[in-house]
Structure formats: C-alpha cells, structure tokens
Amino acid sequence: MLIYLRVLKESFNFALNALRNNKLRTFLSLVGVTIGIFSIIAVLAAVDSLKREIEGSMSGLDNSTIIIMRFSFGPTEIPRWKWQQFPDVTYDEFQYIERNTPNLEAASFTLGVPNESIKSESNQVDNVPIGAVTESYYDIEALKLGQGRFFNAAESNSGSMVVVIGDEIANQLFGDAANAIGKEVRIYGRRFNVIGVLEKEGAGLFGNSKDTSVWIPVNIVRRIFGDNNKNTFPQIVVKPEKGVDNAEFIAMLTQQLRLKRGLKPDEVSTFFINQLQGFADLIDNITGSMNLIGLIISGFSLLVGGFGIANIMFVSVKERTNLIGIQKSLGAKNKFILFQFLFEAVILAVIGGLIGLFLVFIVSILASQFTGDFEFVLSPWNMLIGTAISAAIGLISGILPAISASRLDPVEAIRTGM
C-alpha cells in the first residue's frame, strides 16, 4: 500500500513540475476548460436561483392548496370559446363549499380588483395592489404580521372598513410601520382604519411583494363593485386538511360544486379546480428543460476544452519521450508513467474548473448587486458538480495520452528522443 502511495505522490510531483515548466501551454489548456465549466455552472446556478426565487414567492401557499375559478392554470381539452363562457364562481358558492365540504381546513373567497391609490392626509401611494379576501385567507397564505392584527370573521362578513397594509405602504404613508396602527387611510374614496401591518418581505421575482399591497374584507369590494362586475376576478381558495387524499378531495369538491350549479351528469364542469402542486410541477418541468438546454449548449464548450487537453497531452508525451525512456530504463513501472500523465491532465482540468467556479462566484455577486432583491446563488452542490466534471474531463482527455506514454519501449523511447 505504501508503495502505491509513493508512486501516486511522485507522479503528482512530476505532473506539477511539467505544468510549471510549460506555462503558456498550461494557460491555453486552461482556457477551454474554464469556459466550459463557467458555462455549465453558470447555467445551473442561474436556473437554481430562479427556481428558488419562484418557490420563495409561493412559499406562503401549501402545494395542496386548491384554487377554483373559471380559468385553468394549464392546458385543457375544453375549447377556448367554451370555457370563456363559463360563469365566475360566486360568494354564495364559496359559502356552500365552506359549509358542506368535509376534510376542509380553510376556505377563502377572493376578488382580483384593479390597483388603486391609497391616501393618508397629504401622503399618497399610487397603483397599489388590493387584496380583497375573507378572513381565512390569512391562514391559507400564512401571512405574517409585524404590527396589529388581521380582520376577523365578523369584520369580514359585515364588510367593516378595516385594512391591513404592507410594510412599504406603511413607511410611505406614516414614516414608520409602528405609527400606522389606528390611523385612517382613503381607498376607493372611503375611509378605512388601519388595524395591521405585515412583516417586511422584500421584492419578489417579478417585482410583486406583500410590502406594497393592502388587504381589505372582500364584502367591502362586493358592495363597491357588485357581484357581476367584469373588473373583478373571483376565486375560491381551498386548503384541505393534512393527510387527506388530494385526488379524492378534488373529486368530492367537484361533485359539491356541480351539485350547487345543478349540472347534469353528461354536462361538462363549468369551472376549473387548479391545484398549486400542478403549478409547482410545471415550474419543475420548465427549470428542468432550461437546465438540459443549458447543459447541452455548455457541453460543446467543455468538449472543446477536453479536446484541447488531450491534444496538449499528446504533445507533452512526444516532447518527453526521451525522459520517459530514461525513467523506464531506471526501473519506472508502466503505472508510474501512466499516473504521471493522467495526474497532469486531471490537475490541469481541475485548475481550469476552479477558475471557472471562481468566475461564476464573482458573477453571482455582481448579479445579486445589480438585480436588487433577486439573489443569484452558487450552491455547494453546484461547486461539487463543477469540480467533479472538471476531474472527469481531465481523466477522459488524459487517459489515451497516458496509456500511449506508459506503453513506450524504453530503448525506442531513448532513441526517438535523441
């Protein structure tokens, strides 16, 4: 065992000396591998960061959450002209589902309404997203309050003039979130009492953030806009109890709503039940495809780098043929010569890979600085992948030159090198 370790150590030292003595050749070999590893790891890191940001923006909602509306999240077999005629879900249907659906942890009726200005005395914030929801949405979305409270069931049902605002809205209107509780703001020309301020969240991937949103009871919006206004976008958000079979729950939910709408067995459901898990799977498929395309494109760069190392190693074998013959005549084994050139190729590739990783790290820092709250992350797993790929490329690129060097006849090698 000690003999093999000594052989490995001496081979490693020979490889390092060879790289030091041929700096220009080493540099040219490094360029190809560095570009290849940089391309691959940059793609992996970018896709991972994008996926992490999307998942972070959805983190408040459980994957089992179900959204009922007249549109589908994904492709559907129902023709477009037909589903465009589907009626919107109603508050009455929400109450029916809430009363009659077993294994239901929480349900909320929400309305998507146009952005609106919010005012307080001389201060005003324009184009503010309004969340019109029932009180249960607080638990479904897992909202976090920094100050005050969320509106309760009585306030939601009666349509009390209360509002919960985001941290950034509070700072712009009142200078500090702590000063917002109990203050009055005007939305839709009506006075609302601020009862809560959400915790600071930071900007989302697409610029959306709860920091710049406000939340009011849905029945206020129903009074203002009415139940048949096309400017609203009604949804029923449902969260089943933990451990419930989702397929059975969705089937039961479908049956309940079909019964409420009086649909016959041969009639198509005039609504869509969208599960958040399906949206998460869609994201996984998209990011997986992006990874695959990026890896294929980057693989060509790495292939060029691998050929470059192989070519340099063949040149190195030819230049050191005389030295190989002398080493063999002095008793060097074939495996010593093999390891010597193999280590040289692997070290060359790994150094190139580490430089590529370092460049990705620098780019990730710069990208995070220029993109604001979007964090470009180079994970340890991606660093490990980059190092492993570098070593593999060096091993594959150096194996043939190393084998050819180890099989040289010592006498012919000395004679050829003269």
Foldseek 3Di string as FASTA:
>chain_A
DVVVVVLLVVLLVLLVVVCVVCVVLLVVLLVLLLLLLLLQLLLVLVLVLVLVQVCVVQVLADLQKKKKFLDEPDDDPDDPVVSVPFDTDFPVLLVLCVPPAPQFPFKKKWKFAFFWKKAAVPFIDGRFGETAMAPRVCNRSVFAFPDFDTDHRVCLVVFPQAKEAEQQVCCRHPVGVVPQAQGWMATPNDIHGYGTYTDDDFAGPVRDDRNRHMYGRNVNVCVVQNGPHPRMGIMMMTDGHPPDDSVVSVVVSQVSSCVVVVPDPVDDRSMDIYGSNVVSVVSVVVSVVSSVVSSVVSVVSNVVSLLSLLVSLLVVLLQCLQVLLVCVVVPDALVSLLSSQLSSLLVSLLVSLVSSVVVSVVVQVVVCVVVDPSHRDSDPVSSVVSNVVSNVSSNVSRNVSSNVSSPDHSVVSNVSND
